[in-house]
PDB file of N, CA and C in Angstrom:
ATOM      1  N   MET A   1     -22.409 -62.156  -9.629  1.00  0.00           N
ATOM      2  CA  MET A   1     -22.794 -60.810  -9.272  1.00  0.00           C
ATOM      3  C   MET A   1     -22.915 -59.969 -10.544  1.00  0.00           C
ATOM      4  N   ALA A   2     -24.013 -59.226 -10.669  1.00  0.00           N
ATOM      5  CA  ALA A   2     -24.251 -58.402 -11.848  1.00  0.00           C
ATOM      6  C   ALA A   2     -23.387 -57.147 -11.805  1.00  0.00           C
ATOM      7  N   ASN A   3     -23.088 -56.659 -12.997  1.00  0.00           N
ATOM      8  CA  ASN A   3     -22.339 -55.412 -13.084  1.00  0.00           C
ATOM      9  C   ASN A   3     -23.157 -54.266 -12.497  1.00  0.00           C
ATOM     10  N   LYS A   4     -22.453 -53.336 -11.882  1.00  0.00           N
ATOM     11  CA  LYS A   4     -23.101 -52.130 -11.382  1.00  0.00           C
ATOM     12  C   LYS A   4     -23.318 -51.190 -12.562  1.00  0.00           C
ATOM     13  N   GLU A   5     -24.565 -50.708 -12.736  1.00  0.00           N
ATOM     14  CA  GLU A   5     -24.851 -49.754 -13.793  1.00  0.00           C
ATOM     15  C   GLU A   5     -24.922 -48.350 -13.221  1.00  0.00           C
ATOM     16  N   ILE A   6     -24.267 -47.438 -13.914  1.00  0.00           N
ATOM     17  CA  ILE A   6     -24.284 -46.027 -13.548  1.00  0.00           C
ATOM     18  C   ILE A   6     -24.996 -45.302 -14.678  1.00  0.00           C
ATOM     19  N   ILE A   7     -26.103 -44.627 -14.367  1.00  0.00           N
ATOM     20  CA  ILE A   7     -26.893 -43.929 -15.375  1.00  0.00           C
ATOM     21  C   ILE A   7     -26.427 -42.482 -15.456  1.00  0.00           C
ATOM     22  N   LEU A   8     -26.134 -42.029 -16.674  1.00  0.00           N
ATOM     23  CA  LEU A   8     -25.762 -40.633 -16.906  1.00  0.00           C
ATOM     24  C   LEU A   8     -26.626 -40.114 -18.051  1.00  0.00           C
ATOM     25  N   ASP A   9     -27.674 -39.364 -17.707  1.00  0.00           N
ATOM     26  CA  ASP A   9     -28.588 -38.792 -18.700  1.00  0.00           C
ATOM     27  C   ASP A   9     -28.180 -37.342 -18.933  1.00  0.00           C
ATOM     28  N   VAL A  10     -27.602 -37.086 -20.094  1.00  0.00           N
ATOM     29  CA  VAL A  10     -27.149 -35.734 -20.439  1.00  0.00           C
ATOM     30  C   VAL A  10     -28.018 -35.148 -21.551  1.00  0.00           C
ATOM     31  N   SER A  11     -29.181 -35.729 -21.774  1.00  0.00           N
ATOM     32  CA  SER A  11     -30.022 -35.353 -22.909  1.00  0.00           C
ATOM     33  C   SER A  11     -30.552 -33.926 -22.846  1.00  0.00           C
ATOM     34  N   GLU A  12     -30.569 -33.318 -21.674  1.00  0.00           N
ATOM     35  CA  GLU A  12     -31.071 -31.951 -21.548  1.00  0.00           C
ATOM     36  C   GLU A  12     -29.952 -30.911 -21.474  1.00  0.00           C
ATOM     37  N   LEU A  13     -28.703 -31.353 -21.484  1.00  0.00           N
ATOM     38  CA  LEU A  13     -27.577 -30.431 -21.352  1.00  0.00           C
ATOM     39  C   LEU A  13     -27.145 -29.889 -22.713  1.00  0.00           C
ATOM     40  N   GLU A  14     -26.598 -28.684 -22.703  1.00  0.00           N
ATOM     41  CA  GLU A  14     -26.070 -28.068 -23.919  1.00  0.00           C
ATOM     42  C   GLU A  14     -24.581 -28.389 -24.058  1.00  0.00           C
ATOM     43  N   ALA A  15     -24.131 -28.411 -25.295  1.00  0.00           N
ATOM     44  CA  ALA A  15     -22.714 -28.674 -25.585  1.00  0.00           C
ATOM     45  C   ALA A  15     -21.857 -27.591 -24.932  1.00  0.00           C
ATOM     46  N   PRO A  16     -20.703 -27.960 -24.446  1.00  0.00           N
ATOM     47  CA  PRO A  16     -19.994 -29.246 -24.515  1.00  0.00           C
ATOM     48  C   PRO A  16     -20.202 -30.116 -23.279  1.00  0.00           C
ATOM     49  N   LEU A  17     -21.172 -29.763 -22.418  1.00  0.00           N
ATOM     50  CA  LEU A  17     -21.336 -30.494 -21.156  1.00  0.00           C
ATOM     51  C   LEU A  17     -21.564 -31.994 -21.315  1.00  0.00           C
ATOM     52  N   PRO A  18     -22.385 -32.467 -22.275  1.00  0.00           N
ATOM     53  CA  PRO A  18     -22.548 -33.923 -22.394  1.00  0.00           C
ATOM     54  C   PRO A  18     -21.227 -34.649 -22.626  1.00  0.00           C
ATOM     55  N   LEU A  19     -20.405 -34.118 -23.514  1.00  0.00           N
ATOM     56  CA  LEU A  19     -19.112 -34.754 -23.791  1.00  0.00           C
ATOM     57  C   LEU A  19     -18.210 -34.707 -22.568  1.00  0.00           C
ATOM     58  N   LEU A  20     -18.131 -33.562 -21.916  1.00  0.00           N
ATOM     59  CA  LEU A  20     -17.251 -33.431 -20.747  1.00  0.00           C
ATOM     60  C   LEU A  20     -17.678 -34.364 -19.621  1.00  0.00           C
ATOM     61  N   LYS A  21     -18.983 -34.440 -19.359  1.00  0.00           N
ATOM     62  CA  LYS A  21     -19.477 -35.322 -18.301  1.00  0.00           C
ATOM     63  C   LYS A  21     -19.278 -36.791 -18.668  1.00  0.00           C
ATOM     64  N   GLY A  22     -19.461 -37.101 -19.950  1.00  0.00           N
ATOM     65  CA  GLY A  22     -19.256 -38.472 -20.410  1.00  0.00           C
ATOM     66  C   GLY A  22     -17.812 -38.913 -20.286  1.00  0.00           C
ATOM     67  N   ILE A  23     -16.875 -38.060 -20.688  1.00  0.00           N
ATOM     68  CA  ILE A  23     -15.446 -38.394 -20.582  1.00  0.00           C
ATOM     69  C   ILE A  23     -15.049 -38.580 -19.129  1.00  0.00           C
ATOM     70  N   GLU A  24     -15.514 -37.691 -18.262  1.00  0.00           N
ATOM     71  CA  GLU A  24     -15.206 -37.815 -16.832  1.00  0.00           C
ATOM     72  C   GLU A  24     -15.744 -39.133 -16.281  1.00  0.00           C
ATOM     73  N   ALA A  25     -16.974 -39.478 -16.675  1.00  0.00           N
ATOM     74  CA  ALA A  25     -17.600 -40.704 -16.168  1.00  0.00           C
ATOM     75  C   ALA A  25     -16.876 -41.961 -16.648  1.00  0.00           C
ATOM     76  N   ILE A  26     -16.460 -42.012 -17.925  1.00  0.00           N
ATOM     77  CA  ILE A  26     -15.790 -43.232 -18.390  1.00  0.00           C
ATOM     78  C   ILE A  26     -14.394 -43.358 -17.794  1.00  0.00           C
ATOM     79  N   LYS A  27     -13.755 -42.239 -17.531  1.00  0.00           N
ATOM     80  CA  LYS A  27     -12.434 -42.315 -16.899  1.00  0.00           C
ATOM     81  C   LYS A  27     -12.530 -42.814 -15.464  1.00  0.00           C
ATOM     82  N   ASN A  28     -13.680 -42.599 -14.821  1.00  0.00           N
ATOM     83  CA  ASN A  28     -13.876 -43.024 -13.436  1.00  0.00           C
ATOM     84  C   ASN A  28     -14.499 -44.409 -13.307  1.00  0.00           C
ATOM     85  N   LEU A  29     -14.825 -45.055 -14.435  1.00  0.00           N
ATOM     86  CA  LEU A  29     -15.412 -46.402 -14.378  1.00  0.00           C
ATOM     87  C   LEU A  29     -14.423 -47.386 -13.768  1.00  0.00           C
ATOM     88  N   LYS A  30     -14.950 -48.202 -12.879  1.00  0.00           N
ATOM     89  CA  LYS A  30     -14.140 -49.249 -12.259  1.00  0.00           C
ATOM     90  C   LYS A  30     -14.439 -50.583 -12.945  1.00  0.00           C
ATOM     91  N   SER A  31     -13.561 -51.533 -12.767  1.00  0.00           N
ATOM     92  CA  SER A  31     -13.749 -52.857 -13.333  1.00  0.00           C
ATOM     93  C   SER A  31     -15.101 -53.424 -12.915  1.00  0.00           C
ATOM     94  N   GLY A  32     -15.843 -53.951 -13.871  1.00  0.00           N
ATOM     95  CA  GLY A  32     -17.146 -54.536 -13.582  1.00  0.00           C
ATOM     96  C   GLY A  32     -18.295 -53.544 -13.626  1.00  0.00           C
ATOM     97  N   GLU A  33     -18.010 -52.263 -13.829  1.00  0.00           N
ATOM     98  CA  GLU A  33     -19.070 -51.258 -13.895  1.00  0.00           C
ATOM     99  C   GLU A  33     -19.450 -50.979 -15.346  1.00  0.00           C
ATOM    100  N   THR A  34     -20.706 -50.566 -15.533  1.00  0.00           N
ATOM    101  CA  THR A  34     -21.220 -50.193 -16.846  1.00  0.00           C
ATOM    102  C   THR A  34     -21.807 -48.797 -16.746  1.00  0.00           C
ATOM    103  N   LEU A  35     -21.395 -47.924 -17.632  1.00  0.00           N
ATOM    104  CA  LEU A  35     -21.973 -46.589 -17.714  1.00  0.00           C
ATOM    105  C   LEU A  35     -23.059 -46.615 -18.772  1.00  0.00           C
ATOM    106  N   VAL A  36     -24.261 -46.163 -18.411  1.00  0.00           N
ATOM    107  CA  VAL A  36     -25.358 -46.030 -19.366  1.00  0.00           C
ATOM    108  C   VAL A  36     -25.488 -44.538 -19.657  1.00  0.00           C
ATOM    109  N   PHE A  37     -25.019 -44.141 -20.838  1.00  0.00           N
ATOM    110  CA  PHE A  37     -24.955 -42.743 -21.255  1.00  0.00           C
ATOM    111  C   PHE A  37     -26.147 -42.468 -22.165  1.00  0.00           C
ATOM    112  N   ILE A  38     -26.999 -41.521 -21.777  1.00  0.00           N
ATOM    113  CA  ILE A  38     -28.215 -41.219 -22.535  1.00  0.00           C
ATOM    114  C   ILE A  38     -28.100 -39.801 -23.089  1.00  0.00           C
ATOM    115  N   HIS A  39     -28.299 -39.687 -24.418  1.00  0.00           N
ATOM    116  CA  HIS A  39     -28.152 -38.384 -25.064  1.00  0.00           C
ATOM    117  C   HIS A  39     -29.117 -38.282 -26.242  1.00  0.00           C
ATOM    118  N   ARG A  40     -29.423 -37.062 -26.637  1.00  0.00           N
ATOM    119  CA  ARG A  40     -30.356 -36.838 -27.754  1.00  0.00           C
ATOM    120  C   ARG A  40     -29.658 -36.876 -29.114  1.00  0.00           C
ATOM    121  N   MET A  41     -28.335 -36.959 -29.112  1.00  0.00           N
ATOM    122  CA  MET A  41     -27.570 -37.019 -30.363  1.00  0.00           C
ATOM    123  C   MET A  41     -26.531 -38.134 -30.243  1.00  0.00           C
ATOM    124  N   PHE A  42     -26.024 -38.581 -31.403  1.00  0.00           N
ATOM    125  CA  PHE A  42     -24.968 -39.592 -31.385  1.00  0.00           C
ATOM    126  C   PHE A  42     -23.659 -38.918 -30.960  1.00  0.00           C
ATOM    127  N   PRO A  43     -23.053 -39.383 -29.881  1.00  0.00           N
ATOM    128  CA  PRO A  43     -21.850 -38.728 -29.346  1.00  0.00           C
ATOM    129  C   PRO A  43     -20.560 -39.261 -29.964  1.00  0.00           C
ATOM    130  N   CYS A  44     -20.278 -38.851 -31.196  1.00  0.00           N
ATOM    131  CA  CYS A  44     -19.109 -39.397 -31.900  1.00  0.00           C
ATOM    132  C   CYS A  44     -17.801 -39.092 -31.172  1.00  0.00           C
ATOM    133  N   LYS A  45     -17.676 -37.935 -30.568  1.00  0.00           N
ATOM    134  CA  LYS A  45     -16.440 -37.595 -29.844  1.00  0.00           C
ATOM    135  C   LYS A  45     -16.273 -38.480 -28.608  1.00  0.00           C
ATOM    136  N   LEU A  46     -17.383 -38.862 -27.976  1.00  0.00           N
ATOM    137  CA  LEU A  46     -17.295 -39.763 -26.828  1.00  0.00           C
ATOM    138  C   LEU A  46     -16.816 -41.140 -27.282  1.00  0.00           C
ATOM    139  N   HIS A  47     -17.272 -41.580 -28.447  1.00  0.00           N
ATOM    140  CA  HIS A  47     -16.831 -42.881 -28.963  1.00  0.00           C
ATOM    141  C   HIS A  47     -15.327 -42.881 -29.232  1.00  0.00           C
ATOM    142  N   GLU A  48     -14.788 -41.753 -29.647  1.00  0.00           N
ATOM    143  CA  GLU A  48     -13.338 -41.657 -29.831  1.00  0.00           C
ATOM    144  C   GLU A  48     -12.617 -41.913 -28.508  1.00  0.00           C
ATOM    145  N   GLN A  49     -13.149 -41.360 -27.421  1.00  0.00           N
ATOM    146  CA  GLN A  49     -12.547 -41.549 -26.099  1.00  0.00           C
ATOM    147  C   GLN A  49     -12.706 -42.991 -25.618  1.00  0.00           C
ATOM    148  N   ILE A  50     -13.856 -43.588 -25.900  1.00  0.00           N
ATOM    149  CA  ILE A  50     -14.099 -44.990 -25.535  1.00  0.00           C
ATOM    150  C   ILE A  50     -13.043 -45.878 -26.197  1.00  0.00           C
ATOM    151  N   ASP A  51     -12.823 -45.647 -27.487  1.00  0.00           N
ATOM    152  CA  ASP A  51     -11.817 -46.421 -28.225  1.00  0.00           C
ATOM    153  C   ASP A  51     -10.415 -46.163 -27.676  1.00  0.00           C
ATOM    154  N   LYS A  52     -10.110 -44.906 -27.419  1.00  0.00           N
ATOM    155  CA  LYS A  52      -8.785 -44.530 -26.910  1.00  0.00           C
ATOM    156  C   LYS A  52      -8.477 -45.214 -25.579  1.00  0.00           C
ATOM    157  N   LEU A  53      -9.504 -45.372 -24.731  1.00  0.00           N
ATOM    158  CA  LEU A  53      -9.315 -46.006 -23.423  1.00  0.00           C
ATOM    159  C   LEU A  53      -9.439 -47.532 -23.482  1.00  0.00           C
ATOM    160  N   GLY A  54      -9.729 -48.076 -24.670  1.00  0.00           N
ATOM    161  CA  GLY A  54      -9.824 -49.525 -24.830  1.00  0.00           C
ATOM    162  C   GLY A  54     -11.048 -50.131 -24.176  1.00  0.00           C
ATOM    163  N   LEU A  55     -12.142 -49.370 -24.099  1.00  0.00           N
ATOM    164  CA  LEU A  55     -13.375 -49.862 -23.487  1.00  0.00           C
ATOM    165  C   LEU A  55     -14.292 -50.435 -24.560  1.00  0.00           C
ATOM    166  N   ARG A  56     -15.268 -51.216 -24.127  1.00  0.00           N
ATOM    167  CA  ARG A  56     -16.282 -51.767 -25.028  1.00  0.00           C
ATOM    168  C   ARG A  56     -17.559 -50.953 -24.867  1.00  0.00           C
ATOM    169  N   SER A  57     -18.372 -50.902 -25.938  1.00  0.00           N
ATOM    170  CA  SER A  57     -19.646 -50.192 -25.837  1.00  0.00           C
ATOM    171  C   SER A  57     -20.661 -50.781 -26.807  1.00  0.00           C
ATOM    172  N   ASP A  58     -21.926 -50.587 -26.471  1.00  0.00           N
ATOM    173  CA  ASP A  58     -23.055 -50.932 -27.328  1.00  0.00           C
ATOM    174  C   ASP A  58     -23.930 -49.691 -27.419  1.00  0.00           C
ATOM    175  N   THR A  59     -24.410 -49.381 -28.627  1.00  0.00           N
ATOM    176  CA  THR A  59     -25.236 -48.198 -28.831  1.00  0.00           C
ATOM    177  C   THR A  59     -26.600 -48.614 -29.359  1.00  0.00           C
ATOM    178  N   VAL A  60     -27.653 -48.057 -28.754  1.00  0.00           N
ATOM    179  CA  VAL A  60     -29.023 -48.305 -29.188  1.00  0.00           C
ATOM    180  C   VAL A  60     -29.704 -46.958 -29.394  1.00  0.00           C
ATOM    181  N   LYS A  61     -30.380 -46.825 -30.529  1.00  0.00           N
ATOM    182  CA  LYS A  61     -31.179 -45.622 -30.813  1.00  0.00           C
ATOM    183  C   LYS A  61     -32.633 -46.010 -30.633  1.00  0.00           C
ATOM    184  N   ASP A  62     -33.357 -45.276 -29.762  1.00  0.00           N
ATOM    185  CA  ASP A  62     -34.750 -45.644 -29.523  1.00  0.00           C
ATOM    186  C   ASP A  62     -35.680 -44.947 -30.523  1.00  0.00           C
ATOM    187  N   GLU A  63     -36.970 -45.233 -30.399  1.00  0.00           N
ATOM    188  CA  GLU A  63     -37.941 -44.706 -31.350  1.00  0.00           C
ATOM    189  C   GLU A  63     -38.119 -43.185 -31.267  1.00  0.00           C
ATOM    190  N   GLU A  64     -37.655 -42.580 -30.199  1.00  0.00           N
ATOM    191  CA  GLU A  64     -37.723 -41.122 -30.074  1.00  0.00           C
ATOM    192  C   GLU A  64     -36.395 -40.462 -30.457  1.00  0.00           C
ATOM    193  N   ASN A  65     -35.513 -41.229 -31.098  1.00  0.00           N
ATOM    194  CA  ASN A  65     -34.209 -40.750 -31.561  1.00  0.00           C
ATOM    195  C   ASN A  65     -33.265 -40.350 -30.437  1.00  0.00           C
ATOM    196  N   TYR A  66     -33.415 -40.971 -29.284  1.00  0.00           N
ATOM    197  CA  TYR A  66     -32.433 -40.805 -28.211  1.00  0.00           C
ATOM    198  C   TYR A  66     -31.461 -41.968 -28.297  1.00  0.00           C
ATOM    199  N   PHE A  67     -30.231 -41.703 -27.921  1.00  0.00           N
ATOM    200  CA  PHE A  67     -29.201 -42.730 -27.948  1.00  0.00           C
ATOM    201  C   PHE A  67     -28.878 -43.179 -26.538  1.00  0.00           C
ATOM    202  N   GLU A  68     -28.755 -44.495 -26.368  1.00  0.00           N
ATOM    203  CA  GLU A  68     -28.318 -45.072 -25.104  1.00  0.00           C
ATOM    204  C   GLU A  68     -27.053 -45.860 -25.403  1.00  0.00           C
ATOM    205  N   ILE A  69     -25.969 -45.431 -24.799  1.00  0.00           N
ATOM    206  CA  ILE A  69     -24.694 -46.094 -25.005  1.00  0.00           C
ATOM    207  C   ILE A  69     -24.281 -46.762 -23.708  1.00  0.00           C
ATOM    208  N   LYS A  70     -24.122 -48.063 -23.759  1.00  0.00           N
ATOM    209  CA  LYS A  70     -23.626 -48.803 -22.589  1.00  0.00           C
ATOM    210  C   LYS A  70     -22.135 -48.980 -22.772  1.00  0.00           C
ATOM    211  N   ILE A  71     -21.387 -48.482 -21.805  1.00  0.00           N
ATOM    212  CA  ILE A  71     -19.924 -48.513 -21.872  1.00  0.00           C
ATOM    213  C   ILE A  71     -19.427 -49.403 -20.737  1.00  0.00           C
ATOM    214  N   TYR A  72     -18.627 -50.390 -21.091  1.00  0.00           N
ATOM    215  CA  TYR A  72     -18.193 -51.413 -20.142  1.00  0.00           C
ATOM    216  C   TYR A  72     -16.710 -51.311 -19.865  1.00  0.00           C
ATOM    217  N   ARG A  73     -16.356 -51.490 -18.581  1.00  0.00           N
ATOM    218  CA  ARG A  73     -14.938 -51.606 -18.223  1.00  0.00           C
ATOM    219  C   ARG A  73     -14.747 -53.023 -17.733  1.00  0.00           C
TER     220      ARG A  73
END
C-alpha cells in the first residue's frame, strides 16, 4: 500500500502563516503519511521542526524557484 500524500501549498500565504501551518501539519502526520509542503522560499525554520520531531524529508527546488518538501513519518 502506498503512503498517503497530504498536499499543503502555502506559496501564496504571508509570514508567519506558512511556518505555522507547516508545523501544525507535521505534528498531525500519522505513520505512513507524507506531507508535501510547497512554498516560494526555503523554509529553514520548518526544517528545524522536522529535525526536532525526528522526521525524514527531501527537498526539491523547481525551475520557478518554488520548493517542494516531502516530509515522511
